[in-house]
């Protein structure tokens, strides 16, 4: 039983993250992590900006195309309408 427990603990610690003991190596690993994080943020901002620009260009180019024209319906009357206040209406009695 002891042998099986030992093997399990050894396997579990195989993938456990460990900090380096030397102070300069710790600083170097920390700076490397910050550089990777900064690169990911930098790339993410540019990918997001590119997606916005492509979307705007798509909308602008799509609005230039004329839509399909339908024949005019003879039952539709076009006109201008004005809202009239109740006091301007004539008395109906």
PDB file of N, CA and C in Angstrom:
ATOM      1  N   UNK A   1       0.819  -1.190   0.000  1.00  0.00           N
ATOM      2  CA  UNK A   1       0.000   0.000   0.000  1.00  0.00           C
ATOM      3  C   UNK A   1       0.865   1.257   0.000  1.00  0.00           C
ATOM      4  N   UNK A   2       1.966   1.198   0.718  1.00  0.00           N
ATOM      5  CA  UNK A   2       2.858   2.340   0.765  1.00  0.00           C
ATOM      6  C   UNK A   2       3.453   2.612  -0.613  1.00  0.00           C
ATOM      7  N   UNK A   3       3.776   1.566  -1.341  1.00  0.00           N
ATOM      8  CA  UNK A   3       4.381   1.715  -2.655  1.00  0.00           C
ATOM      9  C   UNK A   3       3.423   2.403  -3.627  1.00  0.00           C
ATOM     10  N   UNK A   4       2.139   2.035  -3.608  1.00  0.00           N
ATOM     11  CA  UNK A   4       1.150   2.637  -4.495  1.00  0.00           C
ATOM     12  C   UNK A   4       0.953   4.118  -4.146  1.00  0.00           C
ATOM     13  N   UNK A   5       0.909   4.450  -2.877  1.00  0.00           N
ATOM     14  CA  UNK A   5       0.746   5.826  -2.436  1.00  0.00           C
ATOM     15  C   UNK A   5       1.943   6.667  -2.867  1.00  0.00           C
ATOM     16  N   UNK A   6       3.117   6.126  -2.786  1.00  0.00           N
ATOM     17  CA  UNK A   6       4.313   6.849  -3.183  1.00  0.00           C
ATOM     18  C   UNK A   6       4.293   7.156  -4.686  1.00  0.00           C
ATOM     19  N   UNK A   7       3.876   6.185  -5.476  1.00  0.00           N
ATOM     20  CA  UNK A   7       3.832   6.383  -6.924  1.00  0.00           C
ATOM     21  C   UNK A   7       2.798   7.432  -7.296  1.00  0.00           C
ATOM     22  N   UNK A   8       1.671   7.461  -6.591  1.00  0.00           N
ATOM     23  CA  UNK A   8       0.643   8.451  -6.897  1.00  0.00           C
ATOM     24  C   UNK A   8       1.138   9.865  -6.573  1.00  0.00           C
ATOM     25  N   UNK A   9       1.812  10.034  -5.427  1.00  0.00           N
ATOM     26  CA  UNK A   9       2.332  11.346  -5.064  1.00  0.00           C
ATOM     27  C   UNK A   9       3.416  11.806  -6.026  1.00  0.00           C
ATOM     28  N   UNK A  10       4.211  10.877  -6.492  1.00  0.00           N
ATOM     29  CA  UNK A  10       5.251  11.231  -7.444  1.00  0.00           C
ATOM     30  C   UNK A  10       4.633  11.668  -8.772  1.00  0.00           C
ATOM     31  N   UNK A  11       3.586  11.002  -9.209  1.00  0.00           N
ATOM     32  CA  UNK A  11       2.916  11.377 -10.457  1.00  0.00           C
ATOM     33  C   UNK A  11       2.238  12.732 -10.323  1.00  0.00           C
ATOM     34  N   UNK A  12       1.632  13.004  -9.166  1.00  0.00           N
ATOM     35  CA  UNK A  12       0.926  14.264  -8.954  1.00  0.00           C
ATOM     36  C   UNK A  12       1.899  15.438  -8.943  1.00  0.00           C
ATOM     37  N   UNK A  13       3.045  15.261  -8.361  1.00  0.00           N
ATOM     38  CA  UNK A  13       4.021  16.349  -8.306  1.00  0.00           C
ATOM     39  C   UNK A  13       4.793  16.498  -9.613  1.00  0.00           C
ATOM     40  N   UNK A  14       4.611  15.586 -10.538  1.00  0.00           N
ATOM     41  CA  UNK A  14       5.313  15.683 -11.812  1.00  0.00           C
ATOM     42  C   UNK A  14       4.867  16.913 -12.595  1.00  0.00           C
ATOM     43  N   UNK A  15       3.572  17.239 -12.562  1.00  0.00           N
ATOM     44  CA  UNK A  15       3.035  18.362 -13.329  1.00  0.00           C
ATOM     45  C   UNK A  15       2.751  19.584 -12.464  1.00  0.00           C
ATOM     46  N   UNK A  16       3.152  19.585 -11.217  1.00  0.00           N
ATOM     47  CA  UNK A  16       2.925  20.730 -10.335  1.00  0.00           C
ATOM     48  C   UNK A  16       3.895  21.852 -10.695  1.00  0.00           C
ATOM     49  N   UNK A  17       3.397  23.088 -10.793  1.00  0.00           N
ATOM     50  CA  UNK A  17       4.314  24.189 -11.116  1.00  0.00           C
ATOM     51  C   UNK A  17       5.244  24.474  -9.941  1.00  0.00           C
ATOM     52  N   UNK A  18       6.502  24.647 -10.236  1.00  0.00           N
ATOM     53  CA  UNK A  18       7.486  24.932  -9.194  1.00  0.00           C
ATOM     54  C   UNK A  18       8.219  26.215  -9.557  1.00  0.00           C
ATOM     55  N   UNK A  19       8.456  27.051  -8.571  1.00  0.00           N
ATOM     56  CA  UNK A  19       9.211  28.281  -8.783  1.00  0.00           C
ATOM     57  C   UNK A  19      10.703  27.961  -8.736  1.00  0.00           C
ATOM     58  N   UNK A  20      11.468  28.591  -9.600  1.00  0.00           N
ATOM     59  CA  UNK A  20      12.909  28.380  -9.532  1.00  0.00           C
ATOM     60  C   UNK A  20      13.475  28.980  -8.234  1.00  0.00           C
ATOM     61  N   UNK A  21      14.560  28.411  -7.762  1.00  0.00           N
ATOM     62  CA  UNK A  21      15.131  28.869  -6.499  1.00  0.00           C
ATOM     63  C   UNK A  21      16.042  30.077  -6.674  1.00  0.00           C
ATOM     64  N   UNK A  22      16.693  30.191  -7.804  1.00  0.00           N
ATOM     65  CA  UNK A  22      17.639  31.289  -8.001  1.00  0.00           C
ATOM     66  C   UNK A  22      16.866  32.587  -8.245  1.00  0.00           C
ATOM     67  N   UNK A  23      17.225  33.667  -7.547  1.00  0.00           N
ATOM     68  CA  UNK A  23      16.472  34.919  -7.679  1.00  0.00           C
ATOM     69  C   UNK A  23      16.482  35.512  -9.088  1.00  0.00           C
ATOM     70  N   UNK A  24      17.584  35.414  -9.799  1.00  0.00           N
ATOM     71  CA  UNK A  24      17.631  35.961 -11.159  1.00  0.00           C
ATOM     72  C   UNK A  24      16.753  35.156 -12.115  1.00  0.00           C
ATOM     73  N   UNK A  25      16.711  33.845 -11.923  1.00  0.00           N
ATOM     74  CA  UNK A  25      15.846  33.015 -12.768  1.00  0.00           C
ATOM     75  C   UNK A  25      14.383  33.322 -12.462  1.00  0.00           C
ATOM     76  N   UNK A  26      14.054  33.582 -11.197  1.00  0.00           N
ATOM     77  CA  UNK A  26      12.678  33.964 -10.843  1.00  0.00           C
ATOM     78  C   UNK A  26      12.283  35.264 -11.538  1.00  0.00           C
ATOM     79  N   UNK A  27      13.166  36.242 -11.528  1.00  0.00           N
ATOM     80  CA  UNK A  27      12.879  37.522 -12.189  1.00  0.00           C
ATOM     81  C   UNK A  27      12.728  37.315 -13.695  1.00  0.00           C
ATOM     82  N   UNK A  28      13.606  36.503 -14.278  1.00  0.00           N
ATOM     83  CA  UNK A  28      13.540  36.250 -15.723  1.00  0.00           C
ATOM     84  C   UNK A  28      12.235  35.553 -16.101  1.00  0.00           C
ATOM     85  N   UNK A  29      11.812  34.580 -15.307  1.00  0.00           N
ATOM     86  CA  UNK A  29      10.559  33.878 -15.602  1.00  0.00           C
ATOM     87  C   UNK A  29       9.369  34.820 -15.429  1.00  0.00           C
ATOM     88  N   UNK A  30       9.420  35.678 -14.415  1.00  0.00           N
ATOM     89  CA  UNK A  30       8.353  36.659 -14.225  1.00  0.00           C
ATOM     90  C   UNK A  30       8.269  37.634 -15.379  1.00  0.00           C
ATOM     91  N   UNK A  31       9.419  38.128 -15.847  1.00  0.00           N
ATOM     92  CA  UNK A  31       9.429  39.044 -16.992  1.00  0.00           C
ATOM     93  C   UNK A  31       8.958  38.350 -18.265  1.00  0.00           C
ATOM     94  N   UNK A  32       9.320  37.083 -18.421  1.00  0.00           N
ATOM     95  CA  UNK A  32       8.838  36.330 -19.577  1.00  0.00           C
ATOM     96  C   UNK A  32       7.318  36.199 -19.548  1.00  0.00           C
ATOM     97  N   UNK A  33       6.775  35.934 -18.366  1.00  0.00           N
ATOM     98  CA  UNK A  33       5.318  35.844 -18.243  1.00  0.00           C
ATOM     99  C   UNK A  33       4.638  37.165 -18.557  1.00  0.00           C
ATOM    100  N   UNK A  34       5.212  38.279 -18.076  1.00  0.00           N
ATOM    101  CA  UNK A  34       4.641  39.592 -18.390  1.00  0.00           C
ATOM    102  C   UNK A  34       4.735  39.908 -19.880  1.00  0.00           C
ATOM    103  N   UNK A  35       5.843  39.511 -20.510  1.00  0.00           N
ATOM    104  CA  UNK A  35       5.997  39.747 -21.949  1.00  0.00           C
ATOM    105  C   UNK A  35       4.963  38.950 -22.748  1.00  0.00           C
ATOM    106  N   UNK A  36       4.726  37.710 -22.348  1.00  0.00           N
ATOM    107  CA  UNK A  36       3.709  36.898 -23.038  1.00  0.00           C
ATOM    108  C   UNK A  36       2.324  37.499 -22.846  1.00  0.00           C
ATOM    109  N   UNK A  37       2.031  37.958 -21.636  1.00  0.00           N
ATOM    110  CA  UNK A  37       0.741  38.591 -21.375  1.00  0.00           C
ATOM    111  C   UNK A  37       0.572  39.859 -22.193  1.00  0.00           C
ATOM    112  N   UNK A  38       1.616  40.699 -22.254  1.00  0.00           N
ATOM    113  CA  UNK A  38       1.547  41.936 -23.038  1.00  0.00           C
ATOM    114  C   UNK A  38       1.357  41.634 -24.524  1.00  0.00           C
ATOM    115  N   UNK A  39       2.024  40.608 -25.024  1.00  0.00           N
ATOM    116  CA  UNK A  39       1.868  40.242 -26.438  1.00  0.00           C
ATOM    117  C   UNK A  39       0.448  39.774 -26.726  1.00  0.00           C
ATOM    118  N   UNK A  40      -0.123  39.002 -25.814  1.00  0.00           N
ATOM    119  CA  UNK A  40      -1.495  38.520 -26.029  1.00  0.00           C
ATOM    120  C   UNK A  40      -2.485  39.685 -26.019  1.00  0.00           C
ATOM    121  N   UNK A  41      -2.309  40.632 -25.108  1.00  0.00           N
ATOM    122  CA  UNK A  41      -3.193  41.804 -25.067  1.00  0.00           C
ATOM    123  C   UNK A  41      -3.011  42.638 -26.323  1.00  0.00           C
ATOM    124  N   UNK A  42      -1.776  42.853 -26.732  1.00  0.00           N
ATOM    125  CA  UNK A  42      -1.472  43.640 -27.929  1.00  0.00           C
ATOM    126  C   UNK A  42      -2.115  43.013 -29.166  1.00  0.00           C
ATOM    127  N   UNK A  43      -1.950  41.714 -29.331  1.00  0.00           N
ATOM    128  CA  UNK A  43      -2.538  41.015 -30.478  1.00  0.00           C
ATOM    129  C   UNK A  43      -4.066  41.054 -30.388  1.00  0.00           C
ATOM    130  N   UNK A  44      -4.609  40.890 -29.192  1.00  0.00           N
ATOM    131  CA  UNK A  44      -6.057  40.913 -29.031  1.00  0.00           C
ATOM    132  C   UNK A  44      -6.657  42.254 -29.403  1.00  0.00           C
ATOM    133  N   UNK A  45      -5.974  43.341 -29.046  1.00  0.00           N
ATOM    134  CA  UNK A  45      -6.478  44.679 -29.396  1.00  0.00           C
ATOM    135  C   UNK A  45      -6.475  44.856 -30.907  1.00  0.00           C
ATOM    136  N   UNK A  46      -5.408  44.438 -31.567  1.00  0.00           N
ATOM    137  CA  UNK A  46      -5.354  44.612 -33.012  1.00  0.00           C
ATOM    138  C   UNK A  46      -6.334  43.697 -33.741  1.00  0.00           C
ATOM    139  N   UNK A  47      -6.544  42.505 -33.256  1.00  0.00           N
ATOM    140  CA  UNK A  47      -7.537  41.620 -33.878  1.00  0.00           C
ATOM    141  C   UNK A  47      -8.933  42.202 -33.691  1.00  0.00           C
ATOM    142  N   UNK A  48      -9.229  42.730 -32.516  1.00  0.00           N
ATOM    143  CA  UNK A  48     -10.533  43.355 -32.280  1.00  0.00           C
ATOM    144  C   UNK A  48     -10.737  44.574 -33.157  1.00  0.00           C
ATOM    145  N   UNK A  49      -9.713  45.415 -33.279  1.00  0.00           N
ATOM    146  CA  UNK A  49      -9.820  46.597 -34.135  1.00  0.00           C
ATOM    147  C   UNK A  49     -10.007  46.194 -35.597  1.00  0.00           C
ATOM    148  N   UNK A  50      -9.311  45.162 -36.028  1.00  0.00           N
ATOM    149  CA  UNK A  50      -9.462  44.691 -37.410  1.00  0.00           C
ATOM    150  C   UNK A  50     -10.867  44.160 -37.652  1.00  0.00           C
ATOM    151  N   UNK A  51     -11.432  43.468 -36.672  1.00  0.00           N
ATOM    152  CA  UNK A  51     -12.792  42.960 -36.832  1.00  0.00           C
ATOM    153  C   UNK A  51     -13.793  44.112 -36.940  1.00  0.00           C
ATOM    154  N   UNK A  52     -13.613  45.152 -36.144  1.00  0.00           N
ATOM    155  CA  UNK A  52     -14.510  46.311 -36.212  1.00  0.00           C
ATOM    156  C   UNK A  52     -14.382  47.005 -37.563  1.00  0.00           C
ATOM    157  N   UNK A  53     -13.144  47.194 -38.035  1.00  0.00           N
ATOM    158  CA  UNK A  53     -12.945  47.859 -39.329  1.00  0.00           C
ATOM    159  C   UNK A  53     -13.526  47.042 -40.478  1.00  0.00           C
ATOM    160  N   UNK A  54     -13.349  45.749 -40.445  1.00  0.00           N
ATOM    161  CA  UNK A  54     -13.922  44.901 -41.506  1.00  0.00           C
ATOM    162  C   UNK A  54     -15.447  44.963 -41.463  1.00  0.00           C
ATOM    163  N   UNK A  55     -16.022  44.975 -40.265  1.00  0.00           N
ATOM    164  CA  UNK A  55     -17.473  45.072 -40.153  1.00  0.00           C
ATOM    165  C   UNK A  55     -18.001  46.396 -40.679  1.00  0.00           C
ATOM    166  N   UNK A  56     -17.305  47.487 -40.369  1.00  0.00           N
ATOM    167  CA  UNK A  56     -17.729  48.799 -40.890  1.00  0.00           C
ATOM    168  C   UNK A  56     -17.597  48.858 -42.414  1.00  0.00           C
ATOM    169  N   UNK A  57     -16.492  48.339 -42.934  1.00  0.00           N
ATOM    170  CA  UNK A  57     -16.322  48.328 -44.396  1.00  0.00           C
ATOM    171  C   UNK A  57     -17.393  47.478 -45.059  1.00  0.00           C
ATOM    172  N   UNK A  58     -17.732  46.368 -44.446  1.00  0.00           N
ATOM    173  CA  UNK A  58     -18.774  45.488 -44.991  1.00  0.00           C
ATOM    174  C   UNK A  58     -20.109  46.223 -45.056  1.00  0.00           C
ATOM    175  N   UNK A  59     -20.447  46.942 -43.964  1.00  0.00           N
ATOM    176  CA  UNK A  59     -21.709  47.684 -43.938  1.00  0.00           C
ATOM    177  C   UNK A  59     -21.714  48.796 -44.974  1.00  0.00           C
ATOM    178  N   UNK A  60     -20.606  49.508 -45.115  1.00  0.00           N
ATOM    179  CA  UNK A  60     -20.556  50.594 -46.086  1.00  0.00           C
ATOM    180  C   UNK A  60     -20.664  50.070 -47.512  1.00  0.00           C
ATOM    181  N   UNK A  61     -19.991  48.979 -47.809  1.00  0.00           N
ATOM    182  CA  UNK A  61     -20.055  48.433 -49.168  1.00  0.00           C
ATOM    183  C   UNK A  61     -21.405  47.786 -49.449  1.00  0.00           C
ATOM    184  N   UNK A  62     -22.035  47.211 -48.431  1.00  0.00           N
ATOM    185  CA  UNK A  62     -23.333  46.580 -48.638  1.00  0.00           C
ATOM    186  C   UNK A  62     -24.421  47.625 -48.837  1.00  0.00           C
ATOM    187  N   UNK A  63     -24.258  48.818 -48.262  1.00  0.00           N
ATOM    188  CA  UNK A  63     -25.300  49.843 -48.406  1.00  0.00           C
ATOM    189  C   UNK A  63     -25.277  50.475 -49.790  1.00  0.00           C
ATOM    190  N   UNK A  64     -24.189  50.314 -50.535  1.00  0.00           N
ATOM    191  CA  UNK A  64     -24.119  50.881 -51.881  1.00  0.00           C
ATOM    192  C   UNK A  64     -24.932  50.090 -52.897  1.00  0.00           C
ATOM    193  N   UNK A  65     -25.133  48.838 -52.637  1.00  0.00           N
ATOM    194  CA  UNK A  65     -25.870  48.011 -53.587  1.00  0.00           C
ATOM    195  C   UNK A  65     -27.359  48.375 -53.550  1.00  0.00           C
ATOM    196  N   UNK A  66     -27.966  48.598 -54.696  1.00  0.00           N
ATOM    197  CA  UNK A  66     -29.398  48.893 -54.673  1.00  0.00           C
ATOM    198  C   UNK A  66     -30.197  47.641 -54.328  1.00  0.00           C
ATOM    199  N   UNK A  67     -31.211  47.836 -53.550  1.00  0.00           N
ATOM    200  CA  UNK A  67     -32.053  46.719 -53.144  1.00  0.00           C
ATOM    201  C   UNK A  67     -32.957  46.279 -54.280  1.00  0.00           C
ATOM    202  N   UNK A  68     -33.556  45.125 -54.144  1.00  0.00           N
ATOM    203  CA  UNK A  68     -34.465  44.662 -55.200  1.00  0.00           C
ATOM    204  C   UNK A  68     -35.696  45.559 -55.243  1.00  0.00           C
ATOM    205  N   UNK A  69     -35.998  46.066 -56.429  1.00  0.00           N
ATOM    206  CA  UNK A  69     -37.152  46.955 -56.568  1.00  0.00           C
ATOM    207  C   UNK A  69     -38.415  46.130 -56.831  1.00  0.00           C
ATOM    208  N   UNK A  70     -39.451  46.476 -56.095  1.00  0.00           N
ATOM    209  CA  UNK A  70     -40.730  45.786 -56.278  1.00  0.00           C
ATOM    210  C   UNK A  70     -41.670  46.675 -57.097  1.00  0.00           C
ATOM    211  N   UNK A  71     -42.541  46.092 -57.853  1.00  0.00           N
ATOM    212  CA  UNK A  71     -43.500  46.915 -58.594  1.00  0.00           C
ATOM    213  C   UNK A  71     -44.448  47.613 -57.612  1.00  0.00           C
ATOM    214  N   UNK A  72     -44.847  48.818 -57.982  1.00  0.00           N
ATOM    215  CA  UNK A  72     -45.719  49.609 -57.118  1.00  0.00           C
ATOM    216  C   UNK A  72     -47.093  48.952 -57.003  1.00  0.00           C
ATOM    217  N   UNK A  73     -47.614  48.910 -55.797  1.00  0.00           N
ATOM    218  CA  UNK A  73     -48.937  48.344 -55.539  1.00  0.00           C
ATOM    219  C   UNK A  73     -49.992  49.402 -55.868  1.00  0.00           C
ATOM    220  N   UNK A  74     -50.983  49.115 -56.706  1.00  0.00           N
ATOM    221  CA  UNK A  74     -51.987  50.130 -57.062  1.00  0.00           C
ATOM    222  C   UNK A  74     -52.916  50.471 -55.885  1.00  0.00           C
ATOM    223  N   UNK A  75     -52.955  49.665 -54.844  1.00  0.00           N
ATOM    224  CA  UNK A  75     -53.833  49.940 -53.711  1.00  0.00           C
ATOM    225  C   UNK A  75     -53.198  50.855 -52.659  1.00  0.00           C
ATOM    226  N   UNK A  76     -51.927  51.205 -52.828  1.00  0.00           N
ATOM    227  CA  UNK A  76     -51.228  52.041 -51.858  1.00  0.00           C
ATOM    228  C   UNK A  76     -51.286  53.489 -52.316  1.00  0.00           C
ATOM    229  N   UNK A  77     -51.703  54.380 -51.414  1.00  0.00           N
ATOM    230  CA  UNK A  77     -51.759  55.812 -51.716  1.00  0.00           C
ATOM    231  C   UNK A  77     -50.660  56.501 -50.914  1.00  0.00           C
ATOM    232  N   UNK A  78     -49.797  57.221 -51.617  1.00  0.00           N
ATOM    233  CA  UNK A  78     -48.742  57.956 -50.946  1.00  0.00           C
ATOM    234  C   UNK A  78     -49.226  59.374 -50.711  1.00  0.00           C
ATOM    235  N   UNK A  79     -48.848  59.923 -49.571  1.00  0.00           N
ATOM    236  CA  UNK A  79     -49.254  61.290 -49.285  1.00  0.00           C
ATOM    237  C   UNK A  79     -48.574  61.812 -48.038  1.00  0.00           C
ATOM    238  N   UNK A  80     -48.856  63.099 -47.751  1.00  0.00           N
ATOM    239  CA  UNK A  80     -48.332  63.718 -46.544  1.00  0.00           C
ATOM    240  C   UNK A  80     -49.478  63.904 -45.572  1.00  0.00           C
ATOM    241  N   UNK A  81     -49.180  63.741 -44.314  1.00  0.00           N
ATOM    242  CA  UNK A  81     -50.204  63.835 -43.286  1.00  0.00           C
ATOM    243  C   UNK A  81     -49.779  64.842 -42.235  1.00  0.00           C
ATOM    244  N   UNK A  82     -50.771  65.604 -41.705  1.00  0.00           N
ATOM    245  CA  UNK A  82     -50.527  66.575 -40.653  1.00  0.00           C
ATOM    246  C   UNK A  82     -51.471  66.276 -39.503  1.00  0.00           C
ATOM    247  N   UNK A  83     -50.956  66.337 -38.269  1.00  0.00           N
ATOM    248  CA  UNK A  83     -51.784  66.113 -37.092  1.00  0.00           C
ATOM    249  C   UNK A  83     -52.474  67.426 -36.745  1.00  0.00           C
ATOM    250  N   UNK A  84     -53.784  67.373 -36.579  1.00  0.00           N
ATOM    251  CA  UNK A  84     -54.575  68.563 -36.278  1.00  0.00           C
ATOM    252  C   UNK A  84     -55.035  68.485 -34.833  1.00  0.00           C
ATOM    253  N   UNK A  85     -54.878  69.595 -34.082  1.00  0.00           N
ATOM    254  CA  UNK A  85     -55.310  69.627 -32.693  1.00  0.00           C
ATOM    255  C   UNK A  85     -56.830  69.599 -32.618  1.00  0.00           C
ATOM    256  N   UNK A  86     -57.325  69.169 -31.464  1.00  0.00           N
ATOM    257  CA  UNK A  86     -58.775  69.048 -31.300  1.00  0.00           C
ATOM    258  C   UNK A  86     -59.464  70.425 -31.341  1.00  0.00           C
ATOM    259  N   UNK A  87     -58.795  71.464 -30.858  1.00  0.00           N
ATOM    260  CA  UNK A  87     -59.426  72.794 -30.845  1.00  0.00           C
ATOM    261  C   UNK A  87     -59.572  73.351 -32.250  1.00  0.00           C
ATOM    262  N   UNK A  88     -58.826  72.879 -33.206  1.00  0.00           N
ATOM    263  CA  UNK A  88     -58.923  73.371 -34.580  1.00  0.00           C
ATOM    264  C   UNK A  88     -60.022  72.668 -35.349  1.00  0.00           C
ATOM    265  N   UNK A  89     -60.570  71.590 -34.817  1.00  0.00           N
ATOM    266  CA  UNK A  89     -61.634  70.873 -35.507  1.00  0.00           C
ATOM    267  C   UNK A  89     -62.963  71.635 -35.336  1.00  0.00           C
ATOM    268  N   UNK A  90     -63.811  71.636 -36.336  1.00  0.00           N
ATOM    269  CA  UNK A  90     -65.114  72.310 -36.204  1.00  0.00           C
ATOM    270  C   UNK A  90     -66.039  71.531 -35.274  1.00  0.00           C
ATOM    271  N   UNK A  91     -66.896  72.237 -34.605  1.00  0.00           N
ATOM    272  CA  UNK A  91     -67.877  71.588 -33.728  1.00  0.00           C
ATOM    273  C   UNK A  91     -68.867  70.813 -34.571  1.00  0.00           C
ATOM    274  N   UNK A  92     -69.181  69.588 -34.183  1.00  0.00           N
ATOM    275  CA  UNK A  92     -70.018  68.739 -35.018  1.00  0.00           C
ATOM    276  C   UNK A  92     -71.463  68.722 -34.555  1.00  0.00           C
ATOM    277  N   UNK A  93     -71.972  69.681 -33.761  1.00  0.00           N
ATOM    278  CA  UNK A  93     -73.373  69.674 -33.335  1.00  0.00           C
ATOM    279  C   UNK A  93     -74.125  70.775 -33.906  1.00  0.00           C
TER     280      UNK A  93
END
